[in-house]
Amino acid sequence: MTVFAVEYVYAADSTEARNAARPAHREWTAGLAREGALLASGPYGDGAGALLIFNAADENALNGLLKQDPFAAADVIAGTRTTEWAPVTGLLAEHAA
């Protein structure tokens, strides 16, 4: 498995739509966390986006997961940046390939 850092940039003026989709998004992330596919996630303090840390077989598998995010269905994500990441120190280091 590979660890990926995924940054979301929220669409401008999407606060109301995000608030409506947030319960489903949080249910989705909680399920992925229980399965071990999502290692950590949370919004940035300024509300402009979020960081999600995934454990996936490859980028294609990761992209399949991201398409299932209720935030994607609500069209509140203006952009994403996906980077393969190798945590070497700390709580997530055990997940590095």
C-alpha atoms as a PDB file:
ATOM      1  CA  MET A   1       0.000   0.000   0.000  1.00  0.00           C
ATOM      2  CA  THR A   2       1.034   3.563  -0.644  1.00  0.00           C
ATOM      3  CA  VAL A   3       0.332   6.637   1.462  1.00  0.00           C
ATOM      4  CA  PHE A   4      -1.101   9.631  -0.394  1.00  0.00           C
ATOM      5  CA  ALA A   5      -1.656  13.188   0.805  1.00  0.00           C
ATOM      6  CA  VAL A   6      -4.692  14.715  -0.881  1.00  0.00           C
ATOM      7  CA  GLU A   7      -5.390  18.422  -0.600  1.00  0.00           C
ATOM      8  CA  TYR A   8      -8.853  19.718  -1.376  1.00  0.00           C
ATOM      9  CA  VAL A   9      -9.464  23.313  -2.392  1.00  0.00           C
ATOM     10  CA  TYR A  10     -13.083  24.207  -1.840  1.00  0.00           C
ATOM     11  CA  ALA A  11     -15.060  26.090  -4.447  1.00  0.00           C
ATOM     12  CA  ALA A  12     -15.684  29.749  -3.686  1.00  0.00           C
ATOM     13  CA  ASP A  13     -19.083  30.384  -2.123  1.00  0.00           C
ATOM     14  CA  SER A  14     -19.563  26.660  -1.410  1.00  0.00           C
ATOM     15  CA  THR A  15     -20.062  26.955   2.356  1.00  0.00           C
ATOM     16  CA  GLU A  16     -23.811  26.285   2.255  1.00  0.00           C
ATOM     17  CA  ALA A  17     -23.429  23.280  -0.055  1.00  0.00           C
ATOM     18  CA  ARG A  18     -20.559  21.905   2.062  1.00  0.00           C
ATOM     19  CA  ASN A  19     -22.619  22.281   5.215  1.00  0.00           C
ATOM     20  CA  ALA A  20     -25.437  20.322   3.569  1.00  0.00           C
ATOM     21  CA  ALA A  21     -23.097  17.558   2.334  1.00  0.00           C
ATOM     22  CA  ARG A  22     -20.898  17.428   5.458  1.00  0.00           C
ATOM     23  CA  PRO A  23     -22.837  14.703   7.360  1.00  0.00           C
ATOM     24  CA  ALA A  24     -22.593  12.333   4.368  1.00  0.00           C
ATOM     25  CA  HIS A  25     -18.938  13.300   3.802  1.00  0.00           C
ATOM     26  CA  ARG A  26     -18.087  12.583   7.447  1.00  0.00           C
ATOM     27  CA  GLU A  27     -19.927   9.247   7.302  1.00  0.00           C
ATOM     28  CA  TRP A  28     -17.907   8.385   4.167  1.00  0.00           C
ATOM     29  CA  THR A  29     -14.583   9.350   5.797  1.00  0.00           C
ATOM     30  CA  ALA A  30     -15.454   7.459   8.996  1.00  0.00           C
ATOM     31  CA  GLY A  31     -16.150   4.311   6.988  1.00  0.00           C
ATOM     32  CA  LEU A  32     -12.843   4.622   5.137  1.00  0.00           C
ATOM     33  CA  ALA A  33     -11.032   5.154   8.444  1.00  0.00           C
ATOM     34  CA  ARG A  34     -12.597   1.978   9.879  1.00  0.00           C
ATOM     35  CA  GLU A  35     -11.410   0.082   6.776  1.00  0.00           C
ATOM     36  CA  GLY A  36      -7.884   1.517   7.087  1.00  0.00           C
ATOM     37  CA  ALA A  37      -8.053   3.363   3.765  1.00  0.00           C
ATOM     38  CA  LEU A  38      -8.136   6.813   5.395  1.00  0.00           C
ATOM     39  CA  LEU A  39      -5.434   7.507   7.968  1.00  0.00           C
ATOM     40  CA  ALA A  40      -6.356  11.103   8.860  1.00  0.00           C
ATOM     41  CA  SER A  41      -8.399  13.989   7.533  1.00  0.00           C
ATOM     42  CA  GLY A  42      -9.638  17.407   8.445  1.00  0.00           C
ATOM     43  CA  PRO A  43     -10.299  20.925   7.220  1.00  0.00           C
ATOM     44  CA  TYR A  44      -7.763  23.713   7.157  1.00  0.00           C
ATOM     45  CA  GLY A  45      -8.253  26.390   9.789  1.00  0.00           C
ATOM     46  CA  ASP A  46      -9.095  29.045   7.216  1.00  0.00           C
ATOM     47  CA  GLY A  47     -11.929  26.944   5.744  1.00  0.00           C
ATOM     48  CA  ALA A  48     -10.468  27.076   2.228  1.00  0.00           C
ATOM     49  CA  GLY A  49      -9.814  23.346   1.938  1.00  0.00           C
ATOM     50  CA  ALA A  50      -8.780  20.169   3.684  1.00  0.00           C
ATOM     51  CA  LEU A  51      -6.036  17.568   3.935  1.00  0.00           C
ATOM     52  CA  LEU A  52      -6.785  13.858   3.704  1.00  0.00           C
ATOM     53  CA  ILE A  53      -4.166  11.123   4.169  1.00  0.00           C
ATOM     54  CA  PHE A  54      -5.024   7.864   2.410  1.00  0.00           C
ATOM     55  CA  ASN A  55      -3.578   4.375   2.274  1.00  0.00           C
ATOM     56  CA  ALA A  56      -4.264   2.956  -1.210  1.00  0.00           C
ATOM     57  CA  ALA A  57      -2.888   0.345  -3.580  1.00  0.00           C
ATOM     58  CA  ASP A  58      -2.120   2.965  -6.220  1.00  0.00           C
ATOM     59  CA  GLU A  59      -3.288   6.305  -7.570  1.00  0.00           C
ATOM     60  CA  ASN A  60      -6.027   4.697  -9.687  1.00  0.00           C
ATOM     61  CA  ALA A  61      -7.522   3.070  -6.583  1.00  0.00           C
ATOM     62  CA  LEU A  62      -7.263   6.374  -4.742  1.00  0.00           C
ATOM     63  CA  ASN A  63      -9.018   8.242  -7.557  1.00  0.00           C
ATOM     64  CA  GLY A  64     -11.827   5.691  -7.423  1.00  0.00           C
ATOM     65  CA  LEU A  65     -12.287   6.447  -3.735  1.00  0.00           C
ATOM     66  CA  LEU A  66     -12.214  10.207  -4.233  1.00  0.00           C
ATOM     67  CA  LYS A  67     -15.018  10.001  -6.805  1.00  0.00           C
ATOM     68  CA  GLN A  68     -17.221   8.490  -4.073  1.00  0.00           C
ATOM     69  CA  ASP A  69     -16.823  11.479  -1.738  1.00  0.00           C
ATOM     70  CA  PRO A  70     -20.175  13.201  -1.159  1.00  0.00           C
ATOM     71  CA  PHE A  71     -18.295  16.511  -1.441  1.00  0.00           C
ATOM     72  CA  ALA A  72     -17.403  15.525  -5.019  1.00  0.00           C
ATOM     73  CA  ALA A  73     -21.066  14.747  -5.755  1.00  0.00           C
ATOM     74  CA  ALA A  74     -22.043  18.127  -4.259  1.00  0.00           C
ATOM     75  CA  ASP A  75     -19.498  19.810  -6.569  1.00  0.00           C
ATOM     76  CA  VAL A  76     -17.859  21.761  -3.747  1.00  0.00           C
ATOM     77  CA  ILE A  77     -14.266  20.779  -4.560  1.00  0.00           C
ATOM     78  CA  ALA A  78     -12.659  23.232  -6.973  1.00  0.00           C
ATOM     79  CA  GLY A  79      -9.341  21.400  -7.102  1.00  0.00           C
ATOM     80  CA  THR A  80      -7.261  18.606  -5.651  1.00  0.00           C
ATOM     81  CA  ARG A  81      -3.573  17.965  -5.332  1.00  0.00           C
ATOM     82  CA  THR A  82      -2.513  14.366  -4.824  1.00  0.00           C
ATOM     83  CA  THR A  83       1.010  13.497  -3.749  1.00  0.00           C
ATOM     84  CA  GLU A  84       2.561  10.155  -2.880  1.00  0.00           C
ATOM     85  CA  TRP A  85       3.945  10.602   0.617  1.00  0.00           C
ATOM     86  CA  ALA A  86       6.409   8.587   2.698  1.00  0.00           C
ATOM     87  CA  PRO A  87       5.971   9.368   6.400  1.00  0.00           C
ATOM     88  CA  VAL A  88       9.222   8.404   8.129  1.00  0.00           C
ATOM     89  CA  THR A  89       8.614   9.667  11.646  1.00  0.00           C
ATOM     90  CA  GLY A  90       5.544   9.726  13.837  1.00  0.00           C
ATOM     91  CA  LEU A  91       2.246   7.901  14.075  1.00  0.00           C
ATOM     92  CA  LEU A  92       1.818   7.388  10.323  1.00  0.00           C
ATOM     93  CA  ALA A  93       5.338   6.079   9.658  1.00  0.00           C
ATOM     94  CA  GLU A  94       4.212   2.462  10.019  1.00  0.00           C
ATOM     95  CA  HIS A  95       2.074   2.902   6.898  1.00  0.00           C
ATOM     96  CA  ALA A  96       4.941   3.883   4.589  1.00  0.00           C
ATOM     97  CA  ALA A  97       5.735   1.390   1.837  1.00  0.00           C
END
